[in-house]
N, C-alpha and C. Protein backbone atom coordinates (compact mmCIF):
# COMPACT_ATOMS: atom_id res chain seq x y z
N MET A 1 8.34 -19.79 7.92
CA MET A 1 7.76 -19.80 6.58
C MET A 1 7.60 -18.36 6.10
N GLY A 2 7.98 -18.12 4.87
CA GLY A 2 7.91 -16.78 4.30
C GLY A 2 6.47 -16.30 4.11
N LYS A 3 6.31 -15.04 4.22
CA LYS A 3 5.00 -14.39 4.03
C LYS A 3 4.88 -13.89 2.59
N HIS A 4 3.65 -13.76 2.15
CA HIS A 4 3.35 -13.14 0.86
C HIS A 4 3.01 -11.69 1.14
N ILE A 5 3.78 -10.79 0.54
CA ILE A 5 3.61 -9.36 0.76
C ILE A 5 3.27 -8.69 -0.55
N ILE A 6 2.27 -7.83 -0.53
CA ILE A 6 1.93 -7.01 -1.68
C ILE A 6 2.19 -5.55 -1.31
N ILE A 7 2.88 -4.86 -2.21
CA ILE A 7 3.10 -3.42 -2.04
C ILE A 7 2.28 -2.70 -3.09
N LEU A 8 1.41 -1.82 -2.65
CA LEU A 8 0.68 -0.93 -3.54
C LEU A 8 1.39 0.41 -3.48
N ASN A 9 2.21 0.69 -4.49
CA ASN A 9 3.00 1.91 -4.53
C ASN A 9 2.22 3.00 -5.27
N GLY A 10 1.75 3.97 -4.52
CA GLY A 10 0.95 5.05 -5.07
C GLY A 10 1.74 6.26 -5.52
N SER A 11 3.05 6.15 -5.63
CA SER A 11 3.85 7.29 -6.05
C SER A 11 3.91 7.39 -7.57
N PRO A 12 3.73 8.59 -8.10
CA PRO A 12 3.91 8.76 -9.54
C PRO A 12 5.38 8.82 -9.96
N ARG A 13 6.27 9.03 -9.01
CA ARG A 13 7.71 9.08 -9.30
C ARG A 13 8.28 7.67 -9.16
N LEU A 14 8.55 7.05 -10.27
CA LEU A 14 9.00 5.66 -10.25
C LEU A 14 10.44 5.50 -9.77
N LYS A 15 11.16 6.60 -9.62
CA LYS A 15 12.51 6.56 -9.05
C LYS A 15 12.62 7.58 -7.92
N GLY A 16 11.51 7.87 -7.29
CA GLY A 16 11.47 8.86 -6.23
C GLY A 16 11.70 8.27 -4.85
N ASN A 17 11.39 9.07 -3.84
CA ASN A 17 11.65 8.69 -2.45
C ASN A 17 10.84 7.48 -2.01
N THR A 18 9.56 7.46 -2.35
CA THR A 18 8.71 6.33 -1.96
C THR A 18 9.21 5.05 -2.62
N ALA A 19 9.57 5.14 -3.90
CA ALA A 19 10.08 3.97 -4.61
C ALA A 19 11.37 3.46 -3.97
N MET A 20 12.24 4.38 -3.56
CA MET A 20 13.49 3.98 -2.92
C MET A 20 13.23 3.28 -1.59
N LEU A 21 12.25 3.76 -0.85
CA LEU A 21 11.88 3.12 0.41
C LEU A 21 11.29 1.74 0.16
N CYS A 22 10.46 1.63 -0.89
CA CYS A 22 9.89 0.33 -1.26
C CYS A 22 10.99 -0.65 -1.66
N ASP A 23 11.99 -0.16 -2.40
CA ASP A 23 13.11 -1.02 -2.80
C ASP A 23 13.84 -1.56 -1.57
N ALA A 24 14.13 -0.69 -0.62
CA ALA A 24 14.84 -1.11 0.59
C ALA A 24 14.00 -2.09 1.40
N PHE A 25 12.72 -1.79 1.57
CA PHE A 25 11.82 -2.69 2.29
C PHE A 25 11.80 -4.07 1.62
N THR A 26 11.67 -4.08 0.29
CA THR A 26 11.61 -5.33 -0.46
C THR A 26 12.89 -6.14 -0.27
N GLU A 27 14.02 -5.47 -0.37
CA GLU A 27 15.30 -6.14 -0.17
C GLU A 27 15.36 -6.78 1.22
N GLY A 28 14.93 -6.05 2.22
CA GLY A 28 14.92 -6.60 3.58
C GLY A 28 13.99 -7.78 3.72
N ALA A 29 12.78 -7.65 3.17
CA ALA A 29 11.79 -8.73 3.28
C ALA A 29 12.26 -9.99 2.55
N LYS A 30 12.83 -9.81 1.37
CA LYS A 30 13.31 -10.97 0.61
C LYS A 30 14.51 -11.62 1.28
N SER A 31 15.29 -10.83 2.02
CA SER A 31 16.48 -11.38 2.67
C SER A 31 16.14 -12.41 3.74
N VAL A 32 14.90 -12.39 4.23
CA VAL A 32 14.48 -13.36 5.24
C VAL A 32 13.46 -14.36 4.69
N GLY A 33 13.31 -14.40 3.37
CA GLY A 33 12.48 -15.44 2.75
C GLY A 33 11.06 -15.07 2.40
N HIS A 34 10.70 -13.80 2.52
CA HIS A 34 9.35 -13.40 2.13
C HIS A 34 9.27 -13.19 0.62
N THR A 35 8.08 -13.37 0.08
CA THR A 35 7.80 -13.09 -1.32
C THR A 35 7.15 -11.72 -1.39
N VAL A 36 7.66 -10.85 -2.26
CA VAL A 36 7.13 -9.49 -2.38
C VAL A 36 6.71 -9.23 -3.82
N THR A 37 5.49 -8.78 -3.98
CA THR A 37 4.99 -8.36 -5.29
C THR A 37 4.61 -6.89 -5.16
N ARG A 38 5.20 -6.08 -6.02
CA ARG A 38 4.97 -4.63 -5.98
C ARG A 38 4.24 -4.18 -7.23
N PHE A 39 3.24 -3.37 -7.00
CA PHE A 39 2.51 -2.76 -8.11
C PHE A 39 2.76 -1.26 -8.08
N ASP A 40 3.38 -0.75 -9.13
CA ASP A 40 3.57 0.69 -9.29
C ASP A 40 2.32 1.22 -9.98
N LEU A 41 1.42 1.74 -9.19
CA LEU A 41 0.07 2.07 -9.65
C LEU A 41 0.05 3.14 -10.74
N GLN A 42 1.04 4.01 -10.76
CA GLN A 42 1.09 5.07 -11.77
C GLN A 42 1.17 4.48 -13.18
N LYS A 43 1.80 3.33 -13.32
CA LYS A 43 1.97 2.71 -14.63
C LYS A 43 0.76 1.88 -15.06
N MET A 44 -0.22 1.77 -14.18
CA MET A 44 -1.34 0.87 -14.44
C MET A 44 -2.60 1.64 -14.84
N ASP A 45 -3.45 0.95 -15.58
CA ASP A 45 -4.74 1.51 -16.00
C ASP A 45 -5.80 1.08 -14.98
N ILE A 46 -6.02 1.94 -13.99
CA ILE A 46 -6.98 1.62 -12.93
C ILE A 46 -7.99 2.75 -12.84
N HIS A 47 -9.24 2.40 -12.98
CA HIS A 47 -10.32 3.37 -12.95
C HIS A 47 -10.88 3.49 -11.53
N GLY A 48 -11.46 4.63 -11.23
CA GLY A 48 -12.07 4.85 -9.93
C GLY A 48 -13.27 3.96 -9.71
N CYS A 49 -13.55 3.67 -8.46
CA CYS A 49 -14.71 2.86 -8.09
C CYS A 49 -15.99 3.55 -8.54
N LEU A 50 -16.91 2.77 -9.08
CA LEU A 50 -18.19 3.30 -9.54
C LEU A 50 -19.24 3.33 -8.43
N GLY A 51 -18.95 2.67 -7.32
CA GLY A 51 -19.93 2.60 -6.24
C GLY A 51 -21.18 1.84 -6.64
N CYS A 52 -21.05 0.96 -7.60
CA CYS A 52 -22.22 0.26 -8.14
C CYS A 52 -22.66 -0.90 -7.26
N VAL A 53 -21.78 -1.43 -6.42
CA VAL A 53 -22.03 -2.58 -5.56
C VAL A 53 -22.58 -3.76 -6.38
N LYS A 54 -21.96 -3.97 -7.55
CA LYS A 54 -22.37 -5.07 -8.43
C LYS A 54 -21.25 -6.07 -8.63
N GLY A 55 -20.17 -5.92 -7.86
CA GLY A 55 -19.08 -6.87 -7.96
C GLY A 55 -19.34 -8.09 -7.10
N GLY A 56 -18.34 -8.93 -6.98
CA GLY A 56 -18.42 -10.08 -6.09
C GLY A 56 -19.11 -11.29 -6.67
N LYS A 57 -19.51 -11.23 -7.91
CA LYS A 57 -20.19 -12.38 -8.52
C LYS A 57 -19.22 -13.43 -9.04
N ASP A 58 -17.98 -13.00 -9.31
CA ASP A 58 -16.95 -13.89 -9.83
C ASP A 58 -15.70 -13.67 -9.00
N THR A 59 -15.35 -14.63 -8.16
CA THR A 59 -14.21 -14.43 -7.27
C THR A 59 -12.90 -14.27 -8.03
N ALA A 60 -12.79 -14.82 -9.24
CA ALA A 60 -11.58 -14.66 -10.03
C ALA A 60 -11.47 -13.26 -10.63
N SER A 61 -12.60 -12.62 -10.84
CA SER A 61 -12.64 -11.26 -11.42
C SER A 61 -13.76 -10.49 -10.71
N PRO A 62 -13.49 -10.06 -9.46
CA PRO A 62 -14.58 -9.59 -8.61
C PRO A 62 -15.24 -8.27 -9.01
N CYS A 63 -14.58 -7.40 -9.75
CA CYS A 63 -15.15 -6.09 -10.07
C CYS A 63 -15.79 -6.12 -11.46
N VAL A 64 -16.84 -5.35 -11.65
CA VAL A 64 -17.48 -5.27 -12.96
C VAL A 64 -16.60 -4.52 -13.96
N GLN A 65 -15.71 -3.67 -13.47
CA GLN A 65 -14.79 -2.97 -14.36
C GLN A 65 -13.63 -3.91 -14.69
N LYS A 66 -13.23 -3.90 -15.94
CA LYS A 66 -12.14 -4.77 -16.38
C LYS A 66 -10.95 -3.89 -16.78
N ASP A 67 -10.02 -3.76 -15.85
CA ASP A 67 -8.82 -2.97 -16.07
C ASP A 67 -7.67 -3.65 -15.35
N ASP A 68 -6.62 -2.93 -15.05
CA ASP A 68 -5.44 -3.54 -14.45
C ASP A 68 -5.61 -4.00 -13.01
N MET A 69 -6.74 -3.71 -12.40
CA MET A 69 -6.99 -4.28 -11.06
C MET A 69 -7.02 -5.80 -11.14
N ALA A 70 -7.31 -6.34 -12.32
CA ALA A 70 -7.32 -7.79 -12.50
C ALA A 70 -5.95 -8.40 -12.17
N LYS A 71 -4.87 -7.62 -12.30
CA LYS A 71 -3.54 -8.11 -11.95
C LYS A 71 -3.33 -8.08 -10.43
N ILE A 72 -3.99 -7.14 -9.78
CA ILE A 72 -3.80 -6.95 -8.34
C ILE A 72 -4.65 -7.92 -7.51
N TYR A 73 -5.88 -8.16 -7.92
CA TYR A 73 -6.81 -8.97 -7.11
C TYR A 73 -6.24 -10.32 -6.68
N PRO A 74 -5.68 -11.14 -7.57
CA PRO A 74 -5.21 -12.45 -7.09
C PRO A 74 -4.05 -12.34 -6.11
N VAL A 75 -3.17 -11.38 -6.31
CA VAL A 75 -2.03 -11.20 -5.41
C VAL A 75 -2.52 -10.71 -4.05
N TYR A 76 -3.46 -9.77 -4.07
CA TYR A 76 -4.05 -9.24 -2.84
C TYR A 76 -4.73 -10.35 -2.04
N LYS A 77 -5.48 -11.20 -2.71
CA LYS A 77 -6.20 -12.25 -2.00
C LYS A 77 -5.24 -13.23 -1.32
N GLU A 78 -4.10 -13.50 -1.92
CA GLU A 78 -3.11 -14.43 -1.36
C GLU A 78 -2.19 -13.78 -0.35
N ALA A 79 -2.13 -12.46 -0.33
CA ALA A 79 -1.18 -11.75 0.53
C ALA A 79 -1.50 -11.89 2.01
N ASP A 80 -0.44 -12.07 2.78
CA ASP A 80 -0.55 -12.03 4.24
C ASP A 80 -0.44 -10.58 4.73
N ILE A 81 0.38 -9.81 4.02
CA ILE A 81 0.68 -8.43 4.42
C ILE A 81 0.45 -7.50 3.24
N VAL A 82 -0.23 -6.40 3.49
CA VAL A 82 -0.45 -5.35 2.49
C VAL A 82 0.35 -4.13 2.93
N VAL A 83 1.21 -3.65 2.04
CA VAL A 83 1.99 -2.45 2.31
C VAL A 83 1.41 -1.32 1.46
N LEU A 84 0.97 -0.29 2.13
CA LEU A 84 0.49 0.91 1.45
C LEU A 84 1.65 1.88 1.38
N ALA A 85 2.07 2.22 0.18
CA ALA A 85 3.21 3.11 -0.02
C ALA A 85 2.76 4.32 -0.82
N SER A 86 3.13 5.50 -0.31
CA SER A 86 2.67 6.72 -0.97
C SER A 86 3.49 7.91 -0.51
N PRO A 87 3.66 8.88 -1.40
CA PRO A 87 4.09 10.17 -0.89
C PRO A 87 2.89 10.83 -0.22
N MET A 88 3.15 11.77 0.66
CA MET A 88 2.05 12.50 1.27
C MET A 88 1.60 13.60 0.30
N TYR A 89 0.34 13.58 -0.04
CA TYR A 89 -0.25 14.60 -0.90
C TYR A 89 -1.35 15.29 -0.10
N TYR A 90 -1.17 16.54 0.16
CA TYR A 90 -2.16 17.31 0.91
C TYR A 90 -2.62 16.55 2.15
N TRP A 91 -1.67 16.07 2.92
CA TRP A 91 -1.86 15.41 4.20
C TRP A 91 -2.71 14.14 4.09
N GLY A 92 -2.50 13.43 3.00
CA GLY A 92 -3.18 12.16 2.78
C GLY A 92 -2.37 11.29 1.83
N ILE A 93 -2.93 10.18 1.45
CA ILE A 93 -2.29 9.30 0.48
C ILE A 93 -2.55 9.84 -0.93
N SER A 94 -1.78 9.40 -1.88
CA SER A 94 -1.94 9.85 -3.26
C SER A 94 -3.25 9.32 -3.86
N GLY A 95 -3.70 9.99 -4.89
CA GLY A 95 -4.90 9.56 -5.60
C GLY A 95 -4.74 8.18 -6.21
N GLN A 96 -3.53 7.88 -6.69
CA GLN A 96 -3.29 6.57 -7.29
C GLN A 96 -3.53 5.46 -6.28
N LEU A 97 -3.04 5.64 -5.06
CA LEU A 97 -3.24 4.61 -4.03
C LEU A 97 -4.70 4.55 -3.59
N LYS A 98 -5.31 5.69 -3.40
CA LYS A 98 -6.72 5.71 -2.97
C LYS A 98 -7.61 5.03 -4.00
N THR A 99 -7.37 5.31 -5.27
CA THR A 99 -8.18 4.71 -6.33
C THR A 99 -8.08 3.19 -6.31
N ALA A 100 -6.85 2.67 -6.24
CA ALA A 100 -6.67 1.22 -6.23
C ALA A 100 -7.25 0.60 -4.96
N PHE A 101 -7.01 1.25 -3.83
CA PHE A 101 -7.50 0.69 -2.57
C PHE A 101 -9.03 0.65 -2.54
N ASP A 102 -9.67 1.69 -3.03
CA ASP A 102 -11.14 1.69 -3.10
C ASP A 102 -11.66 0.49 -3.88
N ARG A 103 -10.96 0.14 -4.93
CA ARG A 103 -11.41 -0.95 -5.78
C ARG A 103 -11.27 -2.32 -5.12
N LEU A 104 -10.53 -2.42 -4.02
CA LEU A 104 -10.43 -3.69 -3.31
C LEU A 104 -11.76 -4.08 -2.67
N PHE A 105 -12.69 -3.13 -2.60
CA PHE A 105 -14.02 -3.45 -2.06
C PHE A 105 -14.68 -4.58 -2.85
N ALA A 106 -14.36 -4.70 -4.13
CA ALA A 106 -14.95 -5.77 -4.93
C ALA A 106 -14.63 -7.15 -4.36
N VAL A 107 -13.46 -7.29 -3.73
CA VAL A 107 -13.11 -8.56 -3.08
C VAL A 107 -14.02 -8.79 -1.88
N ALA A 108 -14.27 -7.74 -1.12
CA ALA A 108 -15.19 -7.85 0.03
C ALA A 108 -16.59 -8.23 -0.43
N GLU A 109 -16.97 -7.75 -1.61
CA GLU A 109 -18.30 -8.07 -2.13
C GLU A 109 -18.49 -9.57 -2.38
N CYS A 110 -17.40 -10.31 -2.46
CA CYS A 110 -17.47 -11.76 -2.66
C CYS A 110 -17.85 -12.49 -1.37
N ASN A 111 -17.84 -11.79 -0.25
CA ASN A 111 -18.05 -12.42 1.06
C ASN A 111 -19.37 -11.97 1.68
N PRO A 112 -19.98 -12.84 2.48
CA PRO A 112 -21.21 -12.45 3.16
C PRO A 112 -21.00 -11.20 4.01
N GLY A 113 -21.92 -10.28 3.93
CA GLY A 113 -21.85 -9.05 4.72
C GLY A 113 -20.69 -8.15 4.32
N TYR A 114 -20.18 -8.36 3.11
CA TYR A 114 -19.05 -7.56 2.61
C TYR A 114 -17.84 -7.63 3.54
N ALA A 115 -17.61 -8.80 4.10
CA ALA A 115 -16.48 -8.97 5.01
C ALA A 115 -15.17 -8.86 4.25
N ASN A 116 -14.30 -7.98 4.74
CA ASN A 116 -12.98 -7.83 4.13
C ASN A 116 -12.09 -8.98 4.57
N PRO A 117 -11.20 -9.43 3.67
CA PRO A 117 -10.23 -10.44 4.11
C PRO A 117 -9.36 -9.86 5.22
N LYS A 118 -8.99 -10.67 6.17
CA LYS A 118 -8.17 -10.21 7.29
C LYS A 118 -6.70 -10.17 6.86
N LYS A 119 -6.10 -9.03 7.02
CA LYS A 119 -4.72 -8.82 6.60
C LYS A 119 -3.94 -8.12 7.69
N ARG A 120 -2.64 -8.17 7.54
CA ARG A 120 -1.75 -7.31 8.32
C ARG A 120 -1.26 -6.24 7.35
N CYS A 121 -0.96 -5.07 7.88
CA CYS A 121 -0.70 -3.93 7.00
C CYS A 121 0.44 -3.07 7.53
N ALA A 122 1.11 -2.40 6.61
CA ALA A 122 2.17 -1.46 6.94
C ALA A 122 2.05 -0.25 6.02
N LEU A 123 2.60 0.85 6.48
CA LEU A 123 2.58 2.09 5.71
C LEU A 123 4.00 2.56 5.46
N ILE A 124 4.30 2.88 4.22
CA ILE A 124 5.56 3.51 3.84
C ILE A 124 5.20 4.85 3.22
N MET A 125 5.77 5.93 3.75
CA MET A 125 5.41 7.25 3.24
C MET A 125 6.59 8.20 3.27
N ALA A 126 6.70 8.99 2.23
CA ALA A 126 7.66 10.08 2.15
C ALA A 126 6.88 11.39 2.11
N ALA A 127 7.46 12.43 2.74
CA ALA A 127 6.77 13.72 2.79
C ALA A 127 7.77 14.85 2.89
N GLU A 128 7.33 16.01 2.44
CA GLU A 128 8.16 17.21 2.58
C GLU A 128 8.28 17.61 4.04
N GLY A 129 7.16 17.64 4.74
CA GLY A 129 7.17 18.03 6.15
C GLY A 129 7.63 16.89 7.03
N ASN A 130 8.03 17.25 8.25
CA ASN A 130 8.52 16.20 9.15
C ASN A 130 8.21 16.53 10.61
N SER A 131 7.00 16.97 10.87
CA SER A 131 6.60 17.24 12.25
C SER A 131 5.43 16.33 12.61
N ALA A 132 5.18 16.19 13.88
CA ALA A 132 4.05 15.37 14.33
C ALA A 132 2.74 15.89 13.74
N ASP A 133 2.58 17.21 13.69
CA ASP A 133 1.36 17.78 13.11
C ASP A 133 1.23 17.44 11.63
N ASN A 134 2.35 17.41 10.93
CA ASN A 134 2.34 17.08 9.51
C ASN A 134 1.87 15.64 9.28
N TRP A 135 2.36 14.71 10.07
CA TRP A 135 2.03 13.29 9.91
C TRP A 135 0.64 12.94 10.43
N LYS A 136 0.12 13.70 11.38
CA LYS A 136 -1.10 13.33 12.09
C LYS A 136 -2.29 12.99 11.18
N PRO A 137 -2.65 13.81 10.19
CA PRO A 137 -3.84 13.47 9.39
C PRO A 137 -3.74 12.13 8.67
N VAL A 138 -2.58 11.85 8.10
CA VAL A 138 -2.46 10.60 7.35
C VAL A 138 -2.36 9.40 8.30
N ILE A 139 -1.71 9.55 9.43
CA ILE A 139 -1.63 8.45 10.40
C ILE A 139 -3.01 8.18 11.00
N ASP A 140 -3.76 9.24 11.28
CA ASP A 140 -5.13 9.06 11.77
C ASP A 140 -5.98 8.31 10.75
N TYR A 141 -5.87 8.70 9.47
CA TYR A 141 -6.62 8.02 8.40
C TYR A 141 -6.21 6.55 8.33
N TYR A 142 -4.91 6.30 8.33
CA TYR A 142 -4.39 4.94 8.24
C TYR A 142 -4.93 4.07 9.38
N HIS A 143 -4.87 4.57 10.61
CA HIS A 143 -5.35 3.78 11.75
C HIS A 143 -6.87 3.60 11.70
N ALA A 144 -7.60 4.61 11.27
CA ALA A 144 -9.05 4.47 11.13
C ALA A 144 -9.39 3.42 10.07
N LEU A 145 -8.69 3.46 8.95
CA LEU A 145 -8.90 2.50 7.88
C LEU A 145 -8.68 1.07 8.39
N LEU A 146 -7.56 0.87 9.07
CA LEU A 146 -7.27 -0.47 9.59
C LEU A 146 -8.29 -0.90 10.64
N GLY A 147 -8.75 0.05 11.44
CA GLY A 147 -9.76 -0.27 12.45
C GLY A 147 -11.05 -0.77 11.81
N PHE A 148 -11.50 -0.06 10.78
CA PHE A 148 -12.74 -0.48 10.11
C PHE A 148 -12.57 -1.80 9.37
N LEU A 149 -11.40 -2.03 8.80
CA LEU A 149 -11.14 -3.28 8.07
C LEU A 149 -10.82 -4.44 9.01
N GLU A 150 -10.53 -4.11 10.28
CA GLU A 150 -10.09 -5.09 11.27
C GLU A 150 -8.78 -5.74 10.86
N TRP A 151 -7.88 -4.89 10.35
CA TRP A 151 -6.54 -5.32 9.99
C TRP A 151 -5.58 -4.96 11.10
N LYS A 152 -4.49 -5.70 11.18
CA LYS A 152 -3.46 -5.44 12.20
C LYS A 152 -2.37 -4.55 11.61
N ASP A 153 -2.03 -3.49 12.33
CA ASP A 153 -0.95 -2.59 11.93
C ASP A 153 0.39 -3.19 12.33
N LEU A 154 1.28 -3.32 11.37
CA LEU A 154 2.63 -3.81 11.65
C LEU A 154 3.62 -2.68 11.85
N GLY A 155 3.22 -1.47 11.48
CA GLY A 155 4.10 -0.32 11.67
C GLY A 155 4.20 0.55 10.44
N GLN A 156 5.02 1.58 10.58
CA GLN A 156 5.17 2.54 9.50
C GLN A 156 6.65 2.90 9.35
N VAL A 157 7.00 3.25 8.13
CA VAL A 157 8.28 3.89 7.83
C VAL A 157 7.91 5.25 7.26
N LEU A 158 8.26 6.30 7.99
CA LEU A 158 7.89 7.66 7.61
C LEU A 158 9.17 8.45 7.34
N ALA A 159 9.31 8.92 6.12
CA ALA A 159 10.50 9.68 5.72
C ALA A 159 10.09 11.13 5.48
N GLY A 160 10.36 11.98 6.44
CA GLY A 160 10.03 13.39 6.32
C GLY A 160 11.20 14.22 5.84
N GLY A 161 10.88 15.41 5.33
CA GLY A 161 11.92 16.32 4.87
C GLY A 161 12.54 15.92 3.55
N VAL A 162 11.78 15.18 2.73
CA VAL A 162 12.31 14.66 1.46
C VAL A 162 11.38 15.02 0.30
N PHE A 163 11.41 16.26 -0.09
CA PHE A 163 10.54 16.71 -1.18
C PHE A 163 11.08 16.34 -2.56
N ASP A 164 12.33 16.63 -2.83
CA ASP A 164 12.91 16.37 -4.15
C ASP A 164 13.09 14.88 -4.37
N ALA A 165 12.83 14.44 -5.61
CA ALA A 165 13.01 13.04 -5.96
C ALA A 165 14.44 12.61 -5.65
N GLY A 166 14.57 11.52 -4.92
CA GLY A 166 15.88 10.99 -4.57
C GLY A 166 16.48 11.55 -3.30
N ALA A 167 15.80 12.50 -2.66
CA ALA A 167 16.33 13.14 -1.45
C ALA A 167 16.52 12.17 -0.30
N VAL A 168 15.84 11.05 -0.32
CA VAL A 168 15.93 10.08 0.76
C VAL A 168 17.22 9.25 0.68
N ALA A 169 17.87 9.26 -0.46
CA ALA A 169 19.08 8.46 -0.66
C ALA A 169 20.12 8.77 0.41
N GLY A 170 20.66 7.72 0.99
CA GLY A 170 21.71 7.87 1.99
C GLY A 170 21.24 8.25 3.38
N GLN A 171 19.95 8.45 3.54
CA GLN A 171 19.43 8.81 4.87
C GLN A 171 19.15 7.54 5.69
N PRO A 172 19.21 7.64 7.01
CA PRO A 172 19.00 6.46 7.87
C PRO A 172 17.64 5.78 7.66
N VAL A 173 16.65 6.50 7.19
CA VAL A 173 15.33 5.92 7.00
C VAL A 173 15.33 4.83 5.93
N VAL A 174 16.28 4.86 5.01
CA VAL A 174 16.38 3.80 4.00
C VAL A 174 16.78 2.48 4.69
N LYS A 175 17.72 2.54 5.60
CA LYS A 175 18.10 1.36 6.39
C LYS A 175 16.94 0.92 7.28
N GLU A 176 16.20 1.89 7.80
CA GLU A 176 15.01 1.58 8.60
C GLU A 176 14.01 0.78 7.77
N ALA A 177 13.81 1.18 6.52
CA ALA A 177 12.88 0.45 5.63
C ALA A 177 13.37 -0.97 5.40
N PHE A 178 14.68 -1.13 5.16
CA PHE A 178 15.25 -2.46 4.99
C PHE A 178 15.01 -3.31 6.23
N ASN A 179 15.36 -2.76 7.39
CA ASN A 179 15.22 -3.49 8.65
C ASN A 179 13.76 -3.85 8.93
N PHE A 180 12.85 -2.93 8.60
CA PHE A 180 11.42 -3.20 8.80
C PHE A 180 10.99 -4.40 7.95
N GLY A 181 11.39 -4.41 6.66
CA GLY A 181 11.05 -5.54 5.80
C GLY A 181 11.63 -6.84 6.33
N ALA A 182 12.86 -6.79 6.84
CA ALA A 182 13.50 -7.98 7.37
C ALA A 182 12.91 -8.45 8.69
N SER A 183 12.23 -7.56 9.39
CA SER A 183 11.68 -7.90 10.71
C SER A 183 10.32 -8.59 10.65
N LEU A 184 9.71 -8.61 9.51
CA LEU A 184 8.34 -9.16 9.43
C LEU A 184 8.33 -10.67 9.39
């Protein structure tokens, strides 16, 4: 049975390296019967979390802020797998991805004790650097995040040495992204 996959694409380059990796991943996932919904966060009107802890009163619209997160919440709640996709910005995820991910707390507010829904997760990332030291901060953050959420890591596709938009084209990591999507 196919899985429901949501991709939160935090790249501002809609035809850049991260987008190309997301395209390949999606093609692979769909080739084996999965449903993939991708949100290109740069194109969306999403405001930062207010930290008000006043959400969770309406499961259909869990956050007190009314913006484009309303499009993401129902897909996120139904998703079996969450894919976090981002270029590396200062050894972390992009602001676009962080902003949207923070707002998912409103879904947890719908549950007793702010319990997060249990998900499986993957990371897709493109970066200029390509050394273990370069990847370490973001991989540490990713694993810590999943640990606190009690989510299962399905793996990562890391494309290093790809600063210019489109630099990932034709590289083996694009096939890796396809194969990863097809393997889920």
